[in-house]
Amino acid sequence: MSDSKIILHWLNYSRSQRSPVIEVIDSKTGKSEIIAETGHIFNYILSNYDTTNILIPFNRDLQSQVDYFLHYTEGTLQPKLVALMVHGVAKKKAPFGARFLMGLLMGGIDDAFYIPDLKKNLKYLENIIHKQHEKGSKYFVGDKLSGADIILEFPVITNIFQNKRGAEQLGAGDVEKEYPHLNQWAEDIKKEPKYIKAQELVAKHETVKPNI
């Protein structure tokens, strides 16, 4: 795969062109392959390019845990955040006469389902990283940085712990107080040399802001 070129694209039909796909071009044959969905992109890059196990655990059981988080983040955690974000926008953008009713409707749905579910998921992650801390590890899987930490960075660090006001508006509460081990994980990840380097590369192309 070292002879391949990877190009990042944003899907034209997405609302803000923020849905990523990668195009993998074989430099020898010119054959192009499109890879979509964040978890699948992670899996593809790790499987084909991480030949020295920089981000992939050597242990097969740990590899399975990383795969789990790739699917969990997109399939379980992020839909809660997206729903709360959309409902928040709906409350603000509704026509003046309908705004009160829209607030009651969206607020009722959020209070009954999405906010409790978000808190449940944050507590779930808090318990996992707490156990990891007790083992002396700073990471979600094993004892080194992995794809699990990387894919959790955006929903947990960018959208919650670096956006505490937004997190409170979503009903997550005082996240530093309620999820101390998750907060410590966020602080540790932000100090990772690989994370710092990645942020520097991103800063050359765009300004990253929370999406809530």
N, C-alpha and C. Protein backbone atom coordinates (compact mmCIF):
# COMPACT_ATOMS: atom_id res chain seq x y z
N MET A 1 0.82 -1.22 0.00
CA MET A 1 0.00 0.00 0.00
C MET A 1 0.85 1.27 0.00
N SER A 2 2.18 1.14 0.12
CA SER A 2 3.04 2.31 0.15
C SER A 2 3.04 3.05 -1.18
N ASP A 3 2.60 2.36 -2.28
CA ASP A 3 2.56 2.98 -3.60
C ASP A 3 1.23 3.68 -3.85
N SER A 4 0.39 3.76 -2.85
CA SER A 4 -0.92 4.39 -3.01
C SER A 4 -0.90 5.82 -2.50
N LYS A 5 -1.75 6.64 -3.10
CA LYS A 5 -1.91 8.02 -2.68
C LYS A 5 -3.31 8.19 -2.10
N ILE A 6 -3.40 8.85 -0.95
CA ILE A 6 -4.70 9.06 -0.30
C ILE A 6 -5.09 10.53 -0.40
N ILE A 7 -6.30 10.77 -0.88
CA ILE A 7 -6.83 12.13 -0.99
C ILE A 7 -8.11 12.21 -0.16
N LEU A 8 -8.21 13.24 0.68
CA LEU A 8 -9.41 13.45 1.49
C LEU A 8 -10.37 14.35 0.73
N HIS A 9 -11.63 13.94 0.68
CA HIS A 9 -12.68 14.74 0.05
C HIS A 9 -13.80 14.98 1.06
N TRP A 10 -14.58 16.04 0.81
CA TRP A 10 -15.80 16.28 1.57
C TRP A 10 -16.97 16.10 0.62
N LEU A 11 -17.95 15.31 1.00
CA LEU A 11 -19.06 15.00 0.11
C LEU A 11 -19.83 16.25 -0.28
N ASN A 12 -20.02 16.45 -1.58
CA ASN A 12 -20.69 17.66 -2.07
C ASN A 12 -22.14 17.74 -1.63
N TYR A 13 -22.79 16.58 -1.43
CA TYR A 13 -24.21 16.62 -1.11
C TYR A 13 -24.47 16.75 0.38
N SER A 14 -23.42 16.77 1.21
CA SER A 14 -23.64 16.98 2.64
C SER A 14 -23.91 18.46 2.88
N ARG A 15 -24.62 18.77 3.94
CA ARG A 15 -25.11 20.14 4.15
C ARG A 15 -23.98 21.16 4.20
N SER A 16 -22.88 20.82 4.88
CA SER A 16 -21.77 21.76 4.97
C SER A 16 -20.51 21.20 4.33
N GLN A 17 -20.68 20.16 3.53
CA GLN A 17 -19.55 19.47 2.91
C GLN A 17 -18.56 19.00 3.97
N ARG A 18 -19.09 18.48 5.08
CA ARG A 18 -18.25 18.04 6.18
C ARG A 18 -18.29 16.52 6.35
N SER A 19 -18.87 15.80 5.41
CA SER A 19 -18.88 14.34 5.49
C SER A 19 -17.68 13.82 4.72
N PRO A 20 -16.71 13.22 5.40
CA PRO A 20 -15.46 12.87 4.72
C PRO A 20 -15.51 11.54 4.00
N VAL A 21 -14.78 11.49 2.90
CA VAL A 21 -14.45 10.24 2.23
C VAL A 21 -12.99 10.33 1.84
N ILE A 22 -12.34 9.19 1.68
CA ILE A 22 -10.98 9.22 1.16
C ILE A 22 -10.95 8.49 -0.18
N GLU A 23 -10.12 8.99 -1.05
CA GLU A 23 -9.90 8.35 -2.34
C GLU A 23 -8.50 7.77 -2.34
N VAL A 24 -8.40 6.48 -2.54
CA VAL A 24 -7.11 5.79 -2.55
C VAL A 24 -6.75 5.49 -4.00
N ILE A 25 -5.64 6.06 -4.46
CA ILE A 25 -5.22 5.91 -5.85
C ILE A 25 -3.93 5.10 -5.91
N ASP A 26 -3.96 4.00 -6.61
CA ASP A 26 -2.77 3.17 -6.81
C ASP A 26 -1.88 3.87 -7.82
N SER A 27 -0.67 4.25 -7.40
CA SER A 27 0.22 5.01 -8.27
C SER A 27 0.72 4.21 -9.46
N LYS A 28 0.65 2.89 -9.38
CA LYS A 28 1.11 2.05 -10.48
C LYS A 28 0.03 1.84 -11.54
N THR A 29 -1.19 1.56 -11.08
CA THR A 29 -2.27 1.25 -12.02
C THR A 29 -3.21 2.43 -12.27
N GLY A 30 -3.19 3.41 -11.36
CA GLY A 30 -4.11 4.53 -11.46
C GLY A 30 -5.50 4.20 -10.98
N LYS A 31 -5.71 2.99 -10.51
CA LYS A 31 -7.02 2.57 -10.03
C LYS A 31 -7.39 3.36 -8.78
N SER A 32 -8.63 3.81 -8.74
CA SER A 32 -9.11 4.64 -7.63
C SER A 32 -10.19 3.90 -6.85
N GLU A 33 -10.13 4.00 -5.54
CA GLU A 33 -11.13 3.39 -4.66
C GLU A 33 -11.61 4.42 -3.66
N ILE A 34 -12.92 4.54 -3.50
CA ILE A 34 -13.50 5.49 -2.56
C ILE A 34 -13.88 4.76 -1.27
N ILE A 35 -13.41 5.28 -0.14
CA ILE A 35 -13.71 4.72 1.18
C ILE A 35 -14.50 5.75 1.97
N ALA A 36 -15.70 5.39 2.42
CA ALA A 36 -16.56 6.32 3.16
C ALA A 36 -16.86 5.79 4.56
N GLU A 37 -17.42 6.65 5.38
CA GLU A 37 -17.77 6.39 6.78
C GLU A 37 -16.51 6.38 7.66
N THR A 38 -16.56 7.22 8.69
CA THR A 38 -15.38 7.44 9.52
C THR A 38 -14.80 6.15 10.10
N GLY A 39 -15.65 5.31 10.68
CA GLY A 39 -15.16 4.07 11.26
C GLY A 39 -14.50 3.18 10.23
N HIS A 40 -15.10 3.11 9.04
CA HIS A 40 -14.54 2.30 7.96
C HIS A 40 -13.22 2.89 7.47
N ILE A 41 -13.15 4.22 7.40
CA ILE A 41 -11.91 4.89 7.01
C ILE A 41 -10.80 4.57 8.00
N PHE A 42 -11.11 4.67 9.29
CA PHE A 42 -10.15 4.30 10.33
C PHE A 42 -9.64 2.89 10.11
N ASN A 43 -10.59 1.96 9.98
CA ASN A 43 -10.25 0.55 9.83
C ASN A 43 -9.38 0.32 8.61
N TYR A 44 -9.72 0.96 7.51
CA TYR A 44 -8.98 0.79 6.26
C TYR A 44 -7.54 1.28 6.41
N ILE A 45 -7.39 2.48 6.95
CA ILE A 45 -6.04 3.05 7.08
C ILE A 45 -5.20 2.24 8.05
N LEU A 46 -5.78 1.87 9.19
CA LEU A 46 -5.03 1.10 10.17
C LEU A 46 -4.63 -0.26 9.61
N SER A 47 -5.56 -0.92 8.93
CA SER A 47 -5.30 -2.26 8.42
C SER A 47 -4.27 -2.26 7.30
N ASN A 48 -4.26 -1.20 6.49
CA ASN A 48 -3.40 -1.20 5.31
C ASN A 48 -2.11 -0.42 5.45
N TYR A 49 -2.05 0.50 6.43
CA TYR A 49 -0.88 1.36 6.51
C TYR A 49 -0.13 1.28 7.83
N ASP A 50 -0.78 0.84 8.89
CA ASP A 50 -0.09 0.74 10.19
C ASP A 50 0.63 -0.61 10.28
N THR A 51 1.67 -0.77 9.49
CA THR A 51 2.37 -2.05 9.41
C THR A 51 3.28 -2.30 10.61
N THR A 52 3.56 -1.27 11.38
CA THR A 52 4.44 -1.44 12.55
C THR A 52 3.67 -1.34 13.86
N ASN A 53 2.35 -1.43 13.79
CA ASN A 53 1.49 -1.42 14.99
C ASN A 53 1.68 -0.19 15.86
N ILE A 54 1.74 0.97 15.21
CA ILE A 54 1.83 2.21 15.97
C ILE A 54 0.53 2.48 16.71
N LEU A 55 -0.60 2.24 16.04
CA LEU A 55 -1.91 2.49 16.64
C LEU A 55 -2.74 1.22 16.79
N ILE A 56 -2.24 0.11 16.27
CA ILE A 56 -2.95 -1.16 16.38
C ILE A 56 -2.28 -2.01 17.46
N PRO A 57 -3.04 -2.49 18.44
CA PRO A 57 -2.45 -3.36 19.47
C PRO A 57 -1.93 -4.66 18.85
N PHE A 58 -0.91 -5.23 19.46
CA PHE A 58 -0.37 -6.50 18.99
C PHE A 58 -1.30 -7.65 19.36
N ASN A 59 -1.97 -7.52 20.50
CA ASN A 59 -2.86 -8.56 21.00
C ASN A 59 -4.18 -8.56 20.23
N ARG A 60 -4.62 -9.74 19.78
CA ARG A 60 -5.84 -9.83 18.98
C ARG A 60 -7.07 -9.40 19.77
N ASP A 61 -7.13 -9.75 21.05
CA ASP A 61 -8.27 -9.34 21.87
C ASP A 61 -8.36 -7.82 21.96
N LEU A 62 -7.20 -7.17 22.08
CA LEU A 62 -7.19 -5.71 22.15
C LEU A 62 -7.56 -5.11 20.79
N GLN A 63 -7.16 -5.76 19.72
CA GLN A 63 -7.56 -5.30 18.39
C GLN A 63 -9.08 -5.32 18.25
N SER A 64 -9.69 -6.37 18.80
CA SER A 64 -11.15 -6.48 18.76
C SER A 64 -11.81 -5.35 19.54
N GLN A 65 -11.19 -4.95 20.66
CA GLN A 65 -11.73 -3.84 21.44
C GLN A 65 -11.65 -2.53 20.66
N VAL A 66 -10.55 -2.34 19.94
CA VAL A 66 -10.42 -1.14 19.11
C VAL A 66 -11.52 -1.12 18.05
N ASP A 67 -11.73 -2.26 17.39
CA ASP A 67 -12.78 -2.36 16.38
C ASP A 67 -14.15 -2.01 16.98
N TYR A 68 -14.37 -2.46 18.21
CA TYR A 68 -15.64 -2.17 18.88
C TYR A 68 -15.84 -0.67 19.02
N PHE A 69 -14.82 0.05 19.48
CA PHE A 69 -14.96 1.49 19.68
C PHE A 69 -15.15 2.23 18.37
N LEU A 70 -14.56 1.72 17.28
CA LEU A 70 -14.76 2.35 15.98
C LEU A 70 -16.24 2.33 15.60
N HIS A 71 -16.92 1.23 15.92
CA HIS A 71 -18.35 1.11 15.60
C HIS A 71 -19.22 1.78 16.67
N TYR A 72 -18.84 1.64 17.93
CA TYR A 72 -19.62 2.22 19.03
C TYR A 72 -19.72 3.74 18.89
N THR A 73 -18.60 4.37 18.57
CA THR A 73 -18.58 5.83 18.52
C THR A 73 -19.56 6.37 17.49
N GLU A 74 -19.53 5.80 16.30
CA GLU A 74 -20.42 6.27 15.24
C GLU A 74 -21.85 5.76 15.38
N GLY A 75 -21.99 4.52 15.83
CA GLY A 75 -23.31 3.90 15.84
C GLY A 75 -24.12 4.17 17.09
N THR A 76 -23.46 4.46 18.21
CA THR A 76 -24.17 4.63 19.48
C THR A 76 -23.99 6.02 20.08
N LEU A 77 -22.75 6.48 20.20
CA LEU A 77 -22.49 7.73 20.90
C LEU A 77 -22.87 8.96 20.08
N GLN A 78 -22.36 9.05 18.87
CA GLN A 78 -22.56 10.28 18.10
C GLN A 78 -24.01 10.56 17.71
N PRO A 79 -24.84 9.54 17.45
CA PRO A 79 -26.24 9.86 17.15
C PRO A 79 -26.94 10.63 18.26
N LYS A 80 -26.56 10.38 19.50
CA LYS A 80 -27.15 11.13 20.62
C LYS A 80 -26.77 12.60 20.53
N LEU A 81 -25.50 12.86 20.26
CA LEU A 81 -25.03 14.23 20.15
C LEU A 81 -25.67 14.94 18.97
N VAL A 82 -25.77 14.24 17.85
CA VAL A 82 -26.37 14.84 16.65
C VAL A 82 -27.84 15.17 16.89
N ALA A 83 -28.57 14.26 17.51
CA ALA A 83 -29.99 14.50 17.78
C ALA A 83 -30.18 15.71 18.67
N LEU A 84 -29.37 15.82 19.73
CA LEU A 84 -29.48 16.96 20.63
C LEU A 84 -29.12 18.25 19.93
N MET A 85 -28.11 18.19 19.06
CA MET A 85 -27.71 19.37 18.30
C MET A 85 -28.84 19.83 17.38
N VAL A 86 -29.42 18.88 16.65
CA VAL A 86 -30.51 19.21 15.72
C VAL A 86 -31.71 19.77 16.46
N HIS A 87 -32.05 19.18 17.59
CA HIS A 87 -33.19 19.67 18.37
C HIS A 87 -32.92 21.08 18.90
N GLY A 88 -31.66 21.33 19.29
CA GLY A 88 -31.30 22.67 19.76
C GLY A 88 -31.47 23.71 18.67
N VAL A 89 -31.06 23.36 17.46
CA VAL A 89 -31.23 24.26 16.32
C VAL A 89 -32.70 24.46 16.00
N ALA A 90 -33.48 23.38 16.08
CA ALA A 90 -34.92 23.45 15.78
C ALA A 90 -35.62 24.43 16.72
N LYS A 91 -35.23 24.42 17.99
CA LYS A 91 -35.84 25.34 18.96
C LYS A 91 -35.58 26.79 18.58
N LYS A 92 -34.35 27.06 18.09
CA LYS A 92 -33.97 28.44 17.78
C LYS A 92 -34.49 28.91 16.43
N LYS A 93 -34.59 27.98 15.48
CA LYS A 93 -34.95 28.36 14.11
C LYS A 93 -36.44 28.28 13.82
N ALA A 94 -37.20 27.74 14.73
CA ALA A 94 -38.65 27.62 14.50
C ALA A 94 -39.27 29.01 14.35
N PRO A 95 -40.32 29.14 13.53
CA PRO A 95 -41.02 30.42 13.40
C PRO A 95 -41.45 30.93 14.77
N PHE A 96 -41.49 32.24 14.92
CA PHE A 96 -41.76 32.84 16.23
C PHE A 96 -43.00 32.26 16.90
N GLY A 97 -44.07 32.13 16.17
CA GLY A 97 -45.31 31.65 16.76
C GLY A 97 -45.27 30.21 17.20
N ALA A 98 -44.37 29.43 16.59
CA ALA A 98 -44.29 28.01 16.90
C ALA A 98 -43.12 27.67 17.82
N ARG A 99 -42.31 28.69 18.14
CA ARG A 99 -41.08 28.43 18.88
C ARG A 99 -41.34 27.83 20.26
N PHE A 100 -42.36 28.34 20.94
CA PHE A 100 -42.66 27.84 22.28
C PHE A 100 -43.06 26.37 22.23
N LEU A 101 -43.96 26.04 21.29
CA LEU A 101 -44.40 24.65 21.16
C LEU A 101 -43.26 23.75 20.72
N MET A 102 -42.42 24.26 19.81
CA MET A 102 -41.28 23.47 19.36
C MET A 102 -40.33 23.20 20.52
N GLY A 103 -40.14 24.21 21.37
CA GLY A 103 -39.28 24.03 22.54
C GLY A 103 -39.83 22.97 23.48
N LEU A 104 -41.14 23.00 23.70
CA LEU A 104 -41.76 21.99 24.56
C LEU A 104 -41.62 20.59 23.97
N LEU A 105 -41.85 20.49 22.67
CA LEU A 105 -41.79 19.18 22.01
C LEU A 105 -40.37 18.62 22.03
N MET A 106 -39.41 19.42 21.55
CA MET A 106 -38.02 18.96 21.50
C MET A 106 -37.47 18.73 22.90
N GLY A 107 -37.82 19.64 23.82
CA GLY A 107 -37.35 19.49 25.20
C GLY A 107 -37.89 18.22 25.84
N GLY A 108 -39.15 17.92 25.57
CA GLY A 108 -39.75 16.70 26.12
C GLY A 108 -39.07 15.45 25.60
N ILE A 109 -38.79 15.43 24.29
CA ILE A 109 -38.10 14.28 23.70
C ILE A 109 -36.70 14.14 24.27
N ASP A 110 -35.99 15.27 24.36
CA ASP A 110 -34.62 15.23 24.87
C ASP A 110 -34.58 14.76 26.32
N ASP A 111 -35.48 15.32 27.15
CA ASP A 111 -35.49 14.97 28.57
C ASP A 111 -35.86 13.51 28.79
N ALA A 112 -36.72 12.99 27.92
CA ALA A 112 -37.19 11.61 28.10
C ALA A 112 -36.21 10.59 27.55
N PHE A 113 -35.46 10.97 26.53
CA PHE A 113 -34.64 9.96 25.86
C PHE A 113 -33.18 10.38 25.66
N TYR A 114 -32.95 11.43 24.88
CA TYR A 114 -31.59 11.70 24.42
C TYR A 114 -30.64 12.14 25.53
N ILE A 115 -31.10 13.00 26.44
CA ILE A 115 -30.21 13.44 27.52
C ILE A 115 -29.87 12.28 28.46
N PRO A 116 -30.86 11.50 28.94
CA PRO A 116 -30.51 10.34 29.77
C PRO A 116 -29.59 9.36 29.04
N ASP A 117 -29.83 9.18 27.74
CA ASP A 117 -29.01 8.24 26.98
C ASP A 117 -27.59 8.76 26.82
N LEU A 118 -27.44 10.07 26.59
CA LEU A 118 -26.10 10.65 26.50
C LEU A 118 -25.35 10.48 27.81
N LYS A 119 -26.03 10.78 28.93
CA LYS A 119 -25.40 10.63 30.24
C LYS A 119 -25.02 9.17 30.50
N LYS A 120 -25.89 8.26 30.09
CA LYS A 120 -25.61 6.84 30.27
C LYS A 120 -24.34 6.43 29.51
N ASN A 121 -24.19 6.96 28.31
CA ASN A 121 -23.01 6.64 27.51
C ASN A 121 -21.75 7.27 28.06
N LEU A 122 -21.85 8.50 28.55
CA LEU A 122 -20.69 9.14 29.16
C LEU A 122 -20.27 8.40 30.43
N LYS A 123 -21.25 7.94 31.20
CA LYS A 123 -20.94 7.15 32.40
C LYS A 123 -20.30 5.83 32.02
N TYR A 124 -20.78 5.24 30.96
CA TYR A 124 -20.21 3.99 30.45
C TYR A 124 -18.73 4.18 30.10
N LEU A 125 -18.42 5.25 29.38
CA LEU A 125 -17.03 5.54 29.03
C LEU A 125 -16.22 5.89 30.26
N GLU A 126 -16.83 6.62 31.19
CA GLU A 126 -16.16 6.96 32.45
C GLU A 126 -15.74 5.70 33.19
N ASN A 127 -16.61 4.71 33.26
CA ASN A 127 -16.29 3.47 33.97
C ASN A 127 -15.16 2.70 33.29
N ILE A 128 -15.17 2.70 31.96
CA ILE A 128 -14.12 1.99 31.22
C ILE A 128 -12.76 2.63 31.46
N ILE A 129 -12.69 3.95 31.31
CA ILE A 129 -11.39 4.61 31.47
C ILE A 129 -10.95 4.62 32.93
N HIS A 130 -11.91 4.59 33.86
CA HIS A 130 -11.58 4.47 35.28
C HIS A 130 -10.84 3.17 35.53
N LYS A 131 -11.35 2.08 34.98
CA LYS A 131 -10.69 0.78 35.13
C LYS A 131 -9.31 0.79 34.49
N GLN A 132 -9.19 1.47 33.36
CA GLN A 132 -7.89 1.58 32.70
C GLN A 132 -6.91 2.35 33.57
N HIS A 133 -7.38 3.43 34.19
CA HIS A 133 -6.52 4.20 35.08
C HIS A 133 -6.06 3.37 36.27
N GLU A 134 -6.95 2.53 36.77
CA GLU A 134 -6.59 1.66 37.89
C GLU A 134 -5.50 0.66 37.50
N LYS A 135 -5.45 0.33 36.21
CA LYS A 135 -4.42 -0.58 35.70
C LYS A 135 -3.12 0.15 35.36
N GLY A 136 -3.16 1.48 35.47
CA GLY A 136 -1.97 2.27 35.16
C GLY A 136 -1.90 2.72 33.71
N SER A 137 -3.02 2.60 32.97
CA SER A 137 -3.03 3.00 31.56
C SER A 137 -3.80 4.30 31.38
N LYS A 138 -3.35 5.12 30.44
CA LYS A 138 -4.01 6.39 30.13
C LYS A 138 -4.99 6.25 28.96
N TYR A 139 -5.09 5.04 28.41
CA TYR A 139 -5.79 4.86 27.15
C TYR A 139 -6.99 3.92 27.28
N PHE A 140 -7.89 4.00 26.30
CA PHE A 140 -9.10 3.18 26.36
C PHE A 140 -8.83 1.71 26.11
N VAL A 141 -7.83 1.41 25.32
CA VAL A 141 -7.51 0.02 25.02
C VAL A 141 -6.02 -0.22 25.23
N GLY A 142 -5.70 -1.22 26.05
CA GLY A 142 -4.29 -1.55 26.27
C GLY A 142 -3.54 -0.45 26.98
N ASP A 143 -2.25 -0.37 26.69
CA ASP A 143 -1.42 0.62 27.39
C ASP A 143 -0.73 1.58 26.43
N LYS A 144 -1.34 1.77 25.24
CA LYS A 144 -0.80 2.76 24.31
C LYS A 144 -1.93 3.37 23.49
N LEU A 145 -1.63 4.49 22.88
CA LEU A 145 -2.60 5.18 22.04
C LEU A 145 -3.07 4.25 20.92
N SER A 146 -4.38 4.26 20.66
CA SER A 146 -4.93 3.40 19.61
C SER A 146 -6.03 4.13 18.85
N GLY A 147 -6.57 3.46 17.84
CA GLY A 147 -7.67 4.03 17.08
C GLY A 147 -8.88 4.33 17.94
N ALA A 148 -9.02 3.63 19.07
CA ALA A 148 -10.15 3.88 19.97
C ALA A 148 -10.08 5.29 20.54
N ASP A 149 -8.90 5.68 21.00
CA ASP A 149 -8.73 7.03 21.56
C ASP A 149 -8.94 8.09 20.48
N ILE A 150 -8.47 7.79 19.28
CA ILE A 150 -8.54 8.78 18.20
C ILE A 150 -9.97 9.02 17.76
N ILE A 151 -10.75 7.95 17.57
CA ILE A 151 -12.12 8.15 17.09
C ILE A 151 -13.02 8.75 18.17
N LEU A 152 -12.67 8.54 19.45
CA LEU A 152 -13.45 9.13 20.54
C LEU A 152 -13.09 10.59 20.76
N GLU A 153 -11.99 11.04 20.18
CA GLU A 153 -11.53 12.41 20.42
C GLU A 153 -12.57 13.46 20.02
N PHE A 154 -13.13 13.31 18.83
CA PHE A 154 -14.04 14.36 18.35
C PHE A 154 -15.32 14.46 19.18
N PRO A 155 -16.07 13.37 19.37
CA PRO A 155 -17.31 13.50 20.15
C PRO A 155 -17.08 13.82 21.61
N VAL A 156 -16.02 13.27 22.21
CA VAL A 156 -15.82 13.43 23.65
C VAL A 156 -14.99 14.66 23.99
N ILE A 157 -13.85 14.83 23.33
CA ILE A 157 -12.98 15.96 23.67
C ILE A 157 -13.46 17.24 22.99
N THR A 158 -13.56 17.23 21.67
CA THR A 158 -13.92 18.45 20.94
C THR A 158 -15.33 18.92 21.26
N ASN A 159 -16.28 18.00 21.26
CA ASN A 159 -17.68 18.40 21.42
C ASN A 159 -18.15 18.52 22.85
N ILE A 160 -17.43 17.94 23.79
CA ILE A 160 -17.89 17.98 25.18
C ILE A 160 -16.89 18.67 26.10
N PHE A 161 -15.68 18.13 26.24
CA PHE A 161 -14.76 18.67 27.23
C PHE A 161 -14.08 19.96 26.79
N GLN A 162 -14.05 20.24 25.50
CA GLN A 162 -13.56 21.54 25.04
C GLN A 162 -14.71 22.48 24.72
N ASN A 163 -15.91 22.06 24.99
CA ASN A 163 -17.10 22.85 24.72
C ASN A 163 -18.07 22.69 25.88
N LYS A 164 -17.58 23.01 27.08
CA LYS A 164 -18.34 22.72 28.30
C LYS A 164 -19.68 23.44 28.34
N ARG A 165 -19.74 24.65 27.82
CA ARG A 165 -21.02 25.37 27.81
C ARG A 165 -22.02 24.64 26.92
N GLY A 166 -21.55 24.20 25.75
CA GLY A 166 -22.42 23.44 24.87
C GLY A 166 -22.85 22.13 25.49
N ALA A 167 -21.91 21.49 26.21
CA ALA A 167 -22.23 20.22 26.86
C ALA A 167 -23.31 20.41 27.92
N GLU A 168 -23.23 21.51 28.67
CA GLU A 168 -24.25 21.79 29.67
C GLU A 168 -25.60 22.05 29.01
N GLN A 169 -25.58 22.75 27.87
CA GLN A 169 -26.82 23.02 27.15
C GLN A 169 -27.45 21.73 26.64
N LEU A 170 -26.60 20.75 26.35
CA LEU A 170 -27.10 19.45 25.89
C LEU A 170 -27.59 18.59 27.05
N GLY A 171 -27.36 19.05 28.27
CA GLY A 171 -27.82 18.30 29.43
C GLY A 171 -26.79 17.38 30.03
N ALA A 172 -25.53 17.51 29.59
CA ALA A 172 -24.48 16.63 30.12
C ALA A 172 -24.03 17.03 31.52
N GLY A 173 -24.37 18.25 31.93
CA GLY A 173 -24.02 18.71 33.27
C GLY A 173 -22.58 19.20 33.35
N ASP A 174 -22.06 19.26 34.57
CA ASP A 174 -20.67 19.66 34.80
C ASP A 174 -19.78 18.46 34.51
N VAL A 175 -19.27 18.38 33.29
CA VAL A 175 -18.59 17.16 32.85
C VAL A 175 -17.29 16.89 33.60
N GLU A 176 -16.58 17.95 33.99
CA GLU A 176 -15.34 17.74 34.74
C GLU A 176 -15.62 17.09 36.09
N LYS A 177 -16.71 17.51 36.72
CA LYS A 177 -17.06 16.99 38.03
C LYS A 177 -17.71 15.61 37.94
N GLU A 178 -18.59 15.42 36.97
CA GLU A 178 -19.34 14.17 36.88
C GLU A 178 -18.54 13.04 36.23
N TYR A 179 -17.57 13.39 35.40
CA TYR A 179 -16.79 12.36 34.70
C TYR A 179 -15.29 12.67 34.82
N PRO A 180 -14.75 12.59 36.05
CA PRO A 180 -13.37 13.00 36.29
C PRO A 180 -12.34 12.17 35.53
N HIS A 181 -12.57 10.88 35.40
CA HIS A 181 -11.60 10.03 34.70
C HIS A 181 -11.65 10.27 33.19
N LEU A 182 -12.83 10.53 32.68
CA LEU A 182 -12.96 10.87 31.27
C LEU A 182 -12.30 12.22 31.00
N ASN A 183 -12.45 13.14 31.94
CA ASN A 183 -11.79 14.44 31.82
C ASN A 183 -10.28 14.28 31.85
N GLN A 184 -9.77 13.41 32.73
CA GLN A 184 -8.33 13.17 32.79
C GLN A 184 -7.82 12.55 31.49
N TRP A 185 -8.60 11.62 30.95
CA TRP A 185 -8.24 11.03 29.65
C TRP A 185 -8.14 12.12 28.58
N ALA A 186 -9.12 13.02 28.56
CA ALA A 186 -9.11 14.11 27.58
C ALA A 186 -7.86 14.96 27.71
N GLU A 187 -7.48 15.28 28.95
CA GLU A 187 -6.28 16.08 29.17
C GLU A 187 -5.03 15.32 28.75
N ASP A 188 -4.98 14.02 29.03
CA ASP A 188 -3.82 13.21 28.64
C ASP A 188 -3.68 13.12 27.13
N ILE A 189 -4.80 12.92 26.44
CA ILE A 189 -4.76 12.80 24.98
C ILE A 189 -4.28 14.10 24.35
N LYS A 190 -4.70 15.23 24.90
CA LYS A 190 -4.30 16.53 24.34
C LYS A 190 -2.81 16.78 24.48
N LYS A 191 -2.15 16.03 25.38
CA LYS A 191 -0.71 16.17 25.57
C LYS A 191 0.09 15.18 24.72
N GLU A 192 -0.61 14.27 24.05
CA GLU A 192 0.05 13.28 23.21
C GLU A 192 0.76 13.97 22.04
N PRO A 193 2.05 13.66 21.83
CA PRO A 193 2.77 14.26 20.69
C PRO A 193 2.06 14.04 19.36
N LYS A 194 1.49 12.85 19.16
CA LYS A 194 0.79 12.56 17.89
C LYS A 194 -0.45 13.42 17.76
N TYR A 195 -1.14 13.67 18.87
CA TYR A 195 -2.33 14.52 18.85
C TYR A 195 -1.94 15.96 18.52
N ILE A 196 -0.89 16.43 19.17
CA ILE A 196 -0.43 17.80 18.94
C ILE A 196 -0.04 17.99 17.48
N LYS A 197 0.68 17.00 16.94
CA LYS A 197 1.10 17.07 15.53
C LYS A 197 -0.11 17.08 14.62
N ALA A 198 -1.09 16.25 14.91
CA ALA A 198 -2.30 16.19 14.09
C ALA A 198 -3.04 17.52 14.11
N GLN A 199 -3.12 18.16 15.29
CA GLN A 199 -3.79 19.45 15.40
C GLN A 199 -3.06 20.51 14.60
N GLU A 200 -1.74 20.44 14.58
CA GLU A 200 -0.95 21.39 13.79
C GLU A 200 -1.23 21.23 12.31
N LEU A 201 -1.35 19.97 11.87
CA LEU A 201 -1.64 19.72 10.45
C LEU A 201 -3.03 20.21 10.08
N VAL A 202 -4.00 19.96 10.98
CA VAL A 202 -5.37 20.40 10.72
C VAL A 202 -5.43 21.93 10.65
N ALA A 203 -4.69 22.59 11.55
CA ALA A 203 -4.72 24.05 11.61
C ALA A 203 -4.24 24.71 10.32
N LYS A 204 -3.45 23.99 9.55
CA LYS A 204 -2.97 24.54 8.28
C LYS A 204 -4.09 24.64 7.24
N HIS A 205 -5.15 23.86 7.45
CA HIS A 205 -6.20 23.79 6.45
C HIS A 205 -7.53 24.36 6.90
N GLU A 206 -7.78 24.34 8.20
CA GLU A 206 -9.09 24.79 8.66
C GLU A 206 -9.04 25.11 10.13
N THR A 207 -10.10 25.77 10.62
CA THR A 207 -10.28 26.02 12.04
C THR A 207 -11.31 25.04 12.54
N VAL A 208 -10.92 24.14 13.46
CA VAL A 208 -11.83 23.12 13.96
C VAL A 208 -12.66 23.69 15.10
N LYS A 209 -13.98 23.61 14.98
CA LYS A 209 -14.88 24.09 16.02
C LYS A 209 -15.86 22.99 16.38
N PRO A 210 -16.35 22.99 17.62
CA PRO A 210 -17.38 22.01 17.99
C PRO A 210 -18.59 22.16 17.09
N ASN A 211 -19.29 21.06 16.84
CA ASN A 211 -20.47 21.13 15.98
C ASN A 211 -21.76 21.18 16.78
N ILE A 212 -21.66 21.59 18.06
CA ILE A 212 -22.86 21.74 18.87
C ILE A 212 -22.86 23.12 19.50
